[in-house]
Amino acid sequence: MTNQNNTTDKNVNLLDTVRRLHFVGIGGSGMCPMAEILHHKDYIITGSDINESDTLARIRSYGIPVHMGHRAENIGDAEVVVYTAAAKQDNPELVAARAKGIPTLERSVMLGLLTKKFANPIAVSGTHGKTTTTGMLTQILIEAGRDPSAVIGGKLPFINGNGRVGKSADIVCEACEYVDTFLQLHPAISIITNIDADHLDYFGTLDNIVKSFHQFCLQTSKRIIVNADNANAMRAVEGITNAEIVTFGRTDKSDYYVTELNEEDTVCEDFTVMYKGERVCRVSLRVPGEHNMMNALAAAAAAHGMGVDGEHIKKALEDFSGVHRRFEILGKFEGVTVADDFAHHPTELSAVLPLPCAWATMRFGRYSSRTLIPALQCCWMILQRRFPSPSML
């Protein structure tokens, strides 16, 4: 299944012919980093949003004008209007742009155009682990002195934001498969963390998801780093000859693999990264869960393939403290430790829910099932309607 609204090809030279861009929903996690990067590339940027936020404060700190609320006059003399996927087509700024004949581009289309301005775009895809892996790889490249730009789907504490403006040819970006938005990208290097049944409201079947990832691989020019332990991911790279296939996994059947796992009952993994029988580095993660070991292995494989040495990979991964809303410890209230996690897919919940139990056991030497209270944000109102009494939950 492919996105019928794919407009990257016909707009391939658009950023070479315009200088003034207006962003509708400029404070969004996918919008703010692009606005920052374009601003630092000497484009004239304006924006609008409906809520004040830290990202808007950051945008304003660069001198970028931001209008609160959406009005037709906000677009000014923009030559292109970029809009967040959350914007409705009757948004007055989009209506005004169309009336003036100004091109309107959805966020993912602009990301595709932006990454084409870099010689070495690196796209991190997969059903689970995209944001964490993108954050890990960004941190490795920064600490290795490669000075990348980055567009990340969550706030990375190391850079105090979800985007970064670098001066090198590298840009690391999160590549989301939903409604085939990642098919706007043509990366030099791609990572596929895994492929699972998700977004079936759009794709319909798992086979369609695999087909879209296969197309994403066909659009990658240099190297594809794929999880050999995930059968669906390996299906996606079948028949691919346009790029080098590099695998990562738990066993030495993969190009990059882990050995010497810590046998002790710990929340965070200690392991050695290997490449075709050669030791790359020994890593002790600060972020919990085996799934984060695999995210780290994917990031290490990408960085190592780009020429980053083991010591820089080790230091960056051991410094990595996570990204916003990925088992993020928010604090304590009346003796209760509160953690926030974006997990919403059954596979993600299966990986995340055991973590508080292991964390409590490590810290206190005991764990009682009565102390774990998972609050599922997106389902809470439905649960309340179906189970009106707390004793029924």
Protein backbone atom coordinates (compact mmCIF):
# COMPACT_ATOMS: atom_id res chain seq x y z
CA MET A 1 0.00 0.00 0.00
CA THR A 2 1.39 3.40 -0.94
CA ASN A 3 0.35 6.89 -0.02
CA GLN A 4 -1.68 8.43 -2.83
CA ASN A 5 -0.62 11.88 -1.61
CA ASN A 6 3.11 11.30 -2.09
CA THR A 7 4.34 14.59 -3.57
CA THR A 8 8.06 14.46 -2.88
CA ASP A 9 9.08 13.78 -6.48
CA LYS A 10 7.19 16.66 -8.08
CA ASN A 11 8.41 19.03 -5.36
CA VAL A 12 11.96 17.73 -5.39
CA ASN A 13 13.52 21.15 -6.07
CA LEU A 14 11.06 23.26 -4.06
CA LEU A 15 13.51 24.17 -1.30
CA ASP A 16 15.91 25.36 -3.98
CA THR A 17 13.40 27.88 -5.31
CA VAL A 18 11.75 29.37 -2.18
CA ARG A 19 13.01 31.18 0.93
CA ARG A 20 9.87 31.97 2.96
CA LEU A 21 8.00 29.15 4.73
CA HIS A 22 5.11 29.24 7.21
CA PHE A 23 4.50 26.34 9.62
CA VAL A 24 0.96 25.60 10.80
CA GLY A 25 1.38 23.90 14.19
CA ILE A 26 5.03 24.87 14.49
CA GLY A 27 5.25 23.65 18.09
CA GLY A 28 4.61 20.01 17.14
CA SER A 29 7.33 17.45 17.79
CA GLY A 30 7.77 16.80 14.08
CA MET A 31 7.47 20.44 13.03
CA CYS A 32 9.74 22.29 15.45
CA PRO A 33 13.02 20.54 14.45
CA MET A 34 12.42 21.17 10.74
CA ALA A 35 11.68 24.84 11.38
CA GLU A 36 14.90 25.14 13.40
CA ILE A 37 17.05 23.47 10.75
CA LEU A 38 15.58 25.54 7.92
CA HIS A 39 15.99 28.74 9.94
CA HIS A 40 19.68 27.97 10.43
CA LYS A 41 19.97 27.32 6.69
CA ASP A 42 18.86 30.95 6.16
CA TYR A 43 15.24 30.32 5.23
CA ILE A 44 12.74 32.89 6.56
CA ILE A 45 10.38 31.01 8.88
CA THR A 46 7.10 32.00 10.53
CA GLY A 47 4.65 29.82 12.38
CA SER A 48 1.42 29.49 14.29
CA ASP A 49 0.06 27.29 17.05
CA ILE A 50 -2.77 27.19 19.57
CA ASN A 51 -0.90 26.27 22.76
CA GLU A 52 2.14 27.72 24.46
CA SER A 53 4.89 25.16 25.05
CA ASP A 54 8.59 24.72 25.69
CA THR A 55 9.10 24.10 21.98
CA LEU A 56 7.49 27.41 21.09
CA ALA A 57 9.76 29.16 23.57
CA ARG A 58 12.72 27.51 21.89
CA ILE A 59 11.48 28.53 18.43
CA ARG A 60 11.00 32.13 19.56
CA SER A 61 14.51 32.17 21.05
CA TYR A 62 15.85 32.02 17.47
CA GLY A 63 13.84 35.10 16.53
CA ILE A 64 11.20 33.12 14.61
CA PRO A 65 7.79 34.88 14.82
CA VAL A 66 5.00 32.65 16.17
CA HIS A 67 1.32 33.62 16.04
CA MET A 68 -1.06 32.23 18.64
CA GLY A 69 -4.22 30.98 16.98
CA HIS A 70 -4.88 30.24 13.31
CA ARG A 71 -5.88 33.14 11.06
CA ALA A 72 -5.60 33.70 7.33
CA GLU A 73 -3.35 36.73 7.72
CA ASN A 74 -0.74 34.66 9.61
CA ILE A 75 0.71 33.24 6.40
CA GLY A 76 1.92 36.70 5.34
CA ASP A 77 4.11 36.51 2.23
CA ALA A 78 5.02 32.82 2.65
CA GLU A 79 5.93 30.95 -0.52
CA VAL A 80 5.18 27.55 1.04
CA VAL A 81 2.88 26.56 3.91
CA VAL A 82 3.84 23.43 5.88
CA TYR A 83 1.17 21.88 8.10
CA THR A 84 1.08 19.29 10.83
CA ALA A 85 -0.93 16.13 10.20
CA ALA A 86 -3.22 17.26 13.03
CA ALA A 87 -4.33 20.34 11.05
CA LYS A 88 -7.72 20.06 9.38
CA GLN A 89 -8.13 21.02 5.76
CA ASP A 90 -10.52 23.84 6.70
CA ASN A 91 -7.81 25.48 8.79
CA PRO A 92 -8.02 29.17 7.81
CA GLU A 93 -4.31 29.35 7.05
CA LEU A 94 -4.49 26.40 4.67
CA VAL A 95 -7.63 27.81 3.06
CA ALA A 96 -5.88 31.17 2.55
CA ALA A 97 -2.78 29.50 1.11
CA ARG A 98 -4.78 27.50 -1.41
CA ALA A 99 -6.75 30.59 -2.40
CA LYS A 100 -3.46 32.36 -3.17
CA GLY A 101 -2.05 29.38 -5.04
CA ILE A 102 0.66 28.83 -2.41
CA PRO A 103 1.86 25.19 -2.16
CA THR A 104 0.72 23.44 1.04
CA LEU A 105 2.81 20.50 2.20
CA GLU A 106 2.08 18.02 4.97
CA ARG A 107 4.91 17.63 7.51
CA SER A 108 6.25 14.34 6.14
CA VAL A 109 6.54 15.75 2.62
CA MET A 110 8.65 18.64 3.91
CA LEU A 111 10.80 16.20 5.89
CA GLY A 112 11.47 14.32 2.66
CA LEU A 113 12.49 17.53 0.92
CA LEU A 114 14.62 18.65 3.86
CA THR A 115 16.57 15.39 4.13
CA LYS A 116 17.44 15.66 0.43
CA LYS A 117 19.47 18.74 1.33
CA PHE A 118 21.87 16.45 3.25
CA ALA A 119 24.36 14.09 1.65
CA ASN A 120 23.97 11.41 4.33
CA PRO A 121 20.40 11.08 5.63
CA ILE A 122 19.88 8.28 8.16
CA ALA A 123 16.29 7.12 8.74
CA VAL A 124 15.25 5.00 11.72
CA SER A 125 12.12 2.95 11.05
CA GLY A 126 10.26 0.11 12.73
CA THR A 127 7.05 -0.56 14.61
CA HIS A 128 8.72 -0.31 18.02
CA GLY A 129 11.82 1.50 19.28
CA LYS A 130 12.13 4.20 16.62
CA THR A 131 12.34 7.18 18.97
CA THR A 132 14.77 5.56 21.41
CA THR A 133 17.03 4.27 18.62
CA THR A 134 16.98 7.66 16.87
CA GLY A 135 17.94 9.30 20.17
CA MET A 136 20.72 6.80 20.82
CA LEU A 137 22.21 7.17 17.34
CA THR A 138 22.01 10.96 17.52
CA GLN A 139 23.82 10.97 20.85
CA ILE A 140 26.53 8.62 19.56
CA LEU A 141 27.19 10.79 16.51
CA ILE A 142 27.30 13.97 18.59
CA GLU A 143 29.72 12.49 21.12
CA ALA A 144 31.85 11.16 18.26
CA GLY A 145 32.15 14.70 16.87
CA ARG A 146 30.16 14.13 13.68
CA ASP A 147 27.85 17.11 14.44
CA PRO A 148 24.61 15.70 12.96
CA SER A 149 21.28 17.40 12.51
CA ALA A 150 18.37 15.42 13.96
CA VAL A 151 14.58 15.11 13.93
CA ILE A 152 13.45 12.93 16.84
CA GLY A 153 9.92 11.91 17.87
CA GLY A 154 10.55 12.64 21.54
CA LYS A 155 12.60 14.97 23.70
CA LEU A 156 16.21 13.83 24.12
CA PRO A 157 17.61 15.17 27.42
CA PHE A 158 21.15 15.17 26.02
CA ILE A 159 20.19 17.97 23.61
CA ASN A 160 17.26 19.29 25.67
CA GLY A 161 14.91 18.96 22.71
CA ASN A 162 13.68 16.72 19.95
CA GLY A 163 15.70 18.31 17.18
CA ARG A 164 19.20 19.53 16.51
CA VAL A 165 20.91 21.71 13.94
CA GLY A 166 24.32 20.38 12.96
CA LYS A 167 26.86 21.50 10.38
CA SER A 168 27.75 18.13 8.86
CA ALA A 169 26.26 16.14 5.99
CA ASP A 170 24.52 13.80 8.49
CA ILE A 171 20.86 14.07 9.46
CA VAL A 172 19.23 11.44 11.67
CA CYS A 173 15.46 11.29 11.48
CA GLU A 174 12.68 9.10 12.78
CA ALA A 175 10.80 7.44 9.91
CA CYS A 176 7.19 6.62 10.81
CA GLU A 177 5.35 4.08 8.69
CA TYR A 178 1.84 5.33 9.51
CA VAL A 179 -0.07 6.18 6.29
CA ASP A 180 3.22 5.49 4.50
CA THR A 181 4.75 8.80 5.53
CA PHE A 182 8.23 7.22 5.56
CA LEU A 183 7.94 6.74 1.81
CA GLN A 184 8.60 10.47 1.48
CA LEU A 185 12.19 9.69 2.51
CA HIS A 186 15.11 8.52 0.38
CA PRO A 187 17.79 7.81 2.98
CA ALA A 188 21.37 6.76 2.44
CA ILE A 189 21.17 4.55 5.54
CA SER A 190 18.06 2.95 7.01
CA ILE A 191 17.43 1.06 10.22
CA ILE A 192 14.51 -1.36 10.64
CA THR A 193 14.16 -2.12 14.35
CA ASN A 194 11.28 -4.59 13.84
CA ILE A 195 7.95 -4.94 12.03
CA ASP A 196 4.72 -5.80 13.85
CA ALA A 197 0.98 -5.61 13.16
CA ASP A 198 0.10 -1.97 13.84
CA HIS A 199 -1.92 0.81 12.17
CA LEU A 200 -4.17 -1.82 10.65
CA ASP A 201 -6.85 0.86 10.21
CA TYR A 202 -4.71 2.03 7.29
CA PHE A 203 -2.69 -1.02 6.20
CA GLY A 204 -5.41 -3.65 6.65
CA THR A 205 -2.99 -6.57 6.88
CA LEU A 206 0.49 -7.34 8.15
CA ASP A 207 1.50 -8.27 4.59
CA ASN A 208 0.71 -4.73 3.47
CA ILE A 209 2.93 -3.35 6.23
CA VAL A 210 5.81 -5.56 5.09
CA LYS A 211 5.27 -4.40 1.50
CA SER A 212 5.53 -0.77 2.57
CA PHE A 213 8.77 -1.46 4.45
CA HIS A 214 10.07 -3.25 1.35
CA GLN A 215 9.36 -0.12 -0.68
CA PHE A 216 11.16 1.93 1.99
CA CYS A 217 14.17 -0.37 1.52
CA LEU A 218 14.04 0.14 -2.25
CA GLN A 219 14.33 3.89 -1.57
CA THR A 220 17.50 3.43 0.53
CA SER A 221 20.69 3.97 -1.44
CA LYS A 222 23.60 2.75 0.68
CA ARG A 223 22.94 0.49 3.69
CA ILE A 224 19.98 -1.13 5.46
CA ILE A 225 20.47 -2.25 9.07
CA VAL A 226 17.80 -4.82 9.89
CA ASN A 227 16.80 -6.91 12.90
CA ALA A 228 17.62 -10.51 11.97
CA ASP A 229 15.56 -11.80 14.91
CA ASN A 230 12.37 -10.31 13.46
CA ALA A 231 10.93 -12.46 10.67
CA ASN A 232 8.80 -9.66 9.24
CA ALA A 233 11.78 -7.30 9.02
CA MET A 234 13.76 -9.94 7.18
CA ARG A 235 10.85 -10.43 4.78
CA ALA A 236 11.00 -6.71 4.01
CA VAL A 237 14.61 -6.94 2.77
CA GLU A 238 14.09 -10.01 0.62
CA GLY A 239 15.28 -9.35 -2.92
CA ILE A 240 16.87 -6.01 -2.04
CA THR A 241 19.99 -5.38 -4.15
CA ASN A 242 20.11 -1.57 -4.23
CA ALA A 243 21.70 -1.30 -0.77
CA GLU A 244 23.97 -3.35 1.48
CA ILE A 245 22.03 -5.47 4.01
CA VAL A 246 23.58 -5.47 7.50
CA THR A 247 21.92 -7.56 10.21
CA PHE A 248 21.82 -7.26 14.00
CA GLY A 249 20.49 -9.73 16.53
CA ARG A 250 21.05 -11.83 19.63
CA THR A 251 23.22 -14.52 18.05
CA ASP A 252 26.37 -14.69 15.93
CA LYS A 253 24.25 -15.50 12.89
CA SER A 254 23.90 -11.71 12.60
CA ASP A 255 26.62 -9.29 11.51
CA TYR A 256 26.27 -7.35 14.78
CA TYR A 257 25.31 -9.32 17.86
CA VAL A 258 25.58 -9.38 21.64
CA THR A 259 27.66 -11.64 23.87
CA GLU A 260 28.63 -11.78 27.54
CA LEU A 261 25.26 -10.70 28.87
CA ASN A 262 25.29 -10.07 32.60
CA GLU A 263 23.80 -13.16 34.25
CA GLU A 264 22.70 -11.20 37.31
CA ASP A 265 19.07 -10.16 37.76
CA THR A 266 19.39 -6.52 36.70
CA VAL A 267 16.95 -4.08 35.14
CA CYS A 268 19.48 -2.58 32.72
CA GLU A 269 21.47 -4.79 30.38
CA ASP A 270 25.25 -5.23 30.38
CA PHE A 271 26.56 -6.75 27.15
CA THR A 272 29.34 -6.79 24.58
CA VAL A 273 28.72 -5.58 21.03
CA MET A 274 30.35 -7.82 18.45
CA TYR A 275 30.82 -7.40 14.70
CA LYS A 276 31.58 -10.53 12.69
CA GLY A 277 33.56 -12.05 15.54
CA GLU A 278 35.38 -8.85 16.49
CA ARG A 279 34.67 -7.01 19.74
CA VAL A 280 33.35 -3.47 19.26
CA CYS A 281 32.73 -2.42 22.87
CA ARG A 282 31.31 -3.40 26.26
CA VAL A 283 28.16 -1.48 27.23
CA SER A 284 26.30 -1.02 30.52
CA LEU A 285 23.01 0.70 29.75
CA ARG A 286 21.22 3.14 32.03
CA VAL A 287 17.85 2.50 30.37
CA PRO A 288 16.01 -0.69 31.36
CA GLY A 289 14.81 -3.67 29.37
CA GLU A 290 16.07 -6.14 26.81
CA HIS A 291 14.24 -4.17 24.12
CA ASN A 292 16.58 -1.25 24.84
CA MET A 293 19.57 -3.56 24.40
CA MET A 294 18.29 -4.26 20.88
CA ASN A 295 17.71 -0.55 20.25
CA ALA A 296 21.28 0.12 21.40
CA LEU A 297 22.62 -2.66 19.19
CA ALA A 298 20.86 -1.16 16.15
CA ALA A 299 22.27 2.30 16.91
CA ALA A 300 25.74 0.85 17.48
CA ALA A 301 25.60 -1.01 14.16
CA ALA A 302 24.65 2.15 12.30
CA ALA A 303 27.33 4.27 13.97
CA HIS A 304 30.06 1.62 13.61
CA GLY A 305 29.23 1.26 9.92
CA MET A 306 29.72 5.03 9.61
CA GLY A 307 33.21 4.70 11.06
CA VAL A 308 32.56 5.60 14.71
CA ASP A 309 34.92 3.71 17.02
CA GLY A 310 33.87 1.46 19.90
CA GLU A 311 34.92 3.85 22.66
CA HIS A 312 32.64 6.62 21.41
CA ILE A 313 29.79 4.13 20.98
CA LYS A 314 30.30 2.80 24.50
CA LYS A 315 30.47 6.22 26.14
CA ALA A 316 27.40 7.58 24.35
CA LEU A 317 25.24 4.53 25.07
CA GLU A 318 26.28 4.54 28.72
CA ASP A 319 25.53 8.27 28.93
CA PHE A 320 22.13 7.81 27.29
CA SER A 321 19.41 8.41 29.88
CA GLY A 322 16.38 7.82 27.68
CA VAL A 323 13.88 9.96 25.82
CA HIS A 324 10.69 11.63 26.99
CA ARG A 325 7.84 9.22 27.83
CA ARG A 326 9.89 6.03 27.44
CA PHE A 327 9.79 4.61 31.00
CA GLU A 328 10.55 8.12 32.18
CA ILE A 329 10.61 8.42 35.98
CA LEU A 330 8.59 11.56 36.70
CA GLY A 331 9.13 11.55 40.45
CA LYS A 332 7.50 10.46 43.68
CA PHE A 333 4.20 11.37 45.31
CA GLU A 334 3.37 10.17 48.81
CA GLY A 335 5.83 7.30 48.49
CA VAL A 336 4.64 6.24 45.03
CA THR A 337 7.16 6.31 42.17
CA VAL A 338 5.48 7.50 38.96
CA ALA A 339 6.85 6.45 35.56
CA ASP A 340 5.51 7.58 32.19
CA ASP A 341 5.73 5.45 29.06
CA PHE A 342 4.28 5.91 25.59
CA ALA A 343 3.72 2.13 25.16
CA HIS A 344 0.30 1.46 23.61
CA HIS A 345 0.79 -1.65 21.45
CA PRO A 346 0.51 -5.12 23.09
CA THR A 347 4.15 -5.90 22.22
CA GLU A 348 5.28 -2.63 23.82
CA LEU A 349 3.17 -3.21 26.92
CA SER A 350 4.64 -6.70 27.26
CA ALA A 351 8.12 -5.17 27.26
CA VAL A 352 7.35 -2.26 29.59
CA LEU A 353 5.05 -3.66 32.28
CA PRO A 354 7.64 -6.05 33.79
CA LEU A 355 10.10 -3.17 34.27
CA PRO A 356 8.55 -1.68 37.44
CA CYS A 357 8.55 -5.13 39.02
CA ALA A 358 12.24 -5.68 38.23
CA TRP A 359 13.07 -2.12 39.27
CA ALA A 360 11.35 -2.55 42.65
CA THR A 361 13.06 -5.91 43.22
CA MET A 362 16.47 -4.41 42.45
CA ARG A 363 15.97 -1.43 44.76
CA PHE A 364 14.12 -3.02 47.65
CA GLY A 365 14.78 -6.75 47.34
CA ARG A 366 11.08 -7.52 47.13
CA TYR A 367 8.06 -6.88 44.95
CA SER A 368 4.33 -7.07 45.61
CA SER A 369 1.94 -7.15 42.66
CA ARG A 370 -0.36 -4.80 44.56
CA THR A 371 2.19 -1.98 44.20
CA LEU A 372 1.99 -1.79 40.39
CA ILE A 373 -0.82 0.42 39.06
CA PRO A 374 -0.72 0.76 35.26
CA ALA A 375 -2.86 3.69 34.06
CA LEU A 376 -3.53 3.37 30.34
CA GLN A 377 -4.09 6.93 29.16
CA CYS A 378 -5.79 6.31 25.83
CA CYS A 379 -8.15 3.67 27.21
CA TRP A 380 -8.98 5.20 30.59
CA MET A 381 -12.34 6.73 29.66
CA ILE A 382 -13.42 3.50 27.94
CA LEU A 383 -12.42 1.48 30.99
CA GLN A 384 -14.38 3.82 33.24
CA ARG A 385 -17.50 3.39 31.13
CA ARG A 386 -17.24 -0.39 31.00
CA PHE A 387 -16.09 -0.87 34.59
CA PRO A 388 -17.70 1.93 36.67
CA SER A 389 -16.56 0.46 39.96
CA PRO A 390 -12.79 0.48 40.72
CA SER A 391 -13.18 -2.98 42.22
CA MET A 392 -14.13 -4.29 38.78
CA LEU A 393 -10.80 -3.26 37.22
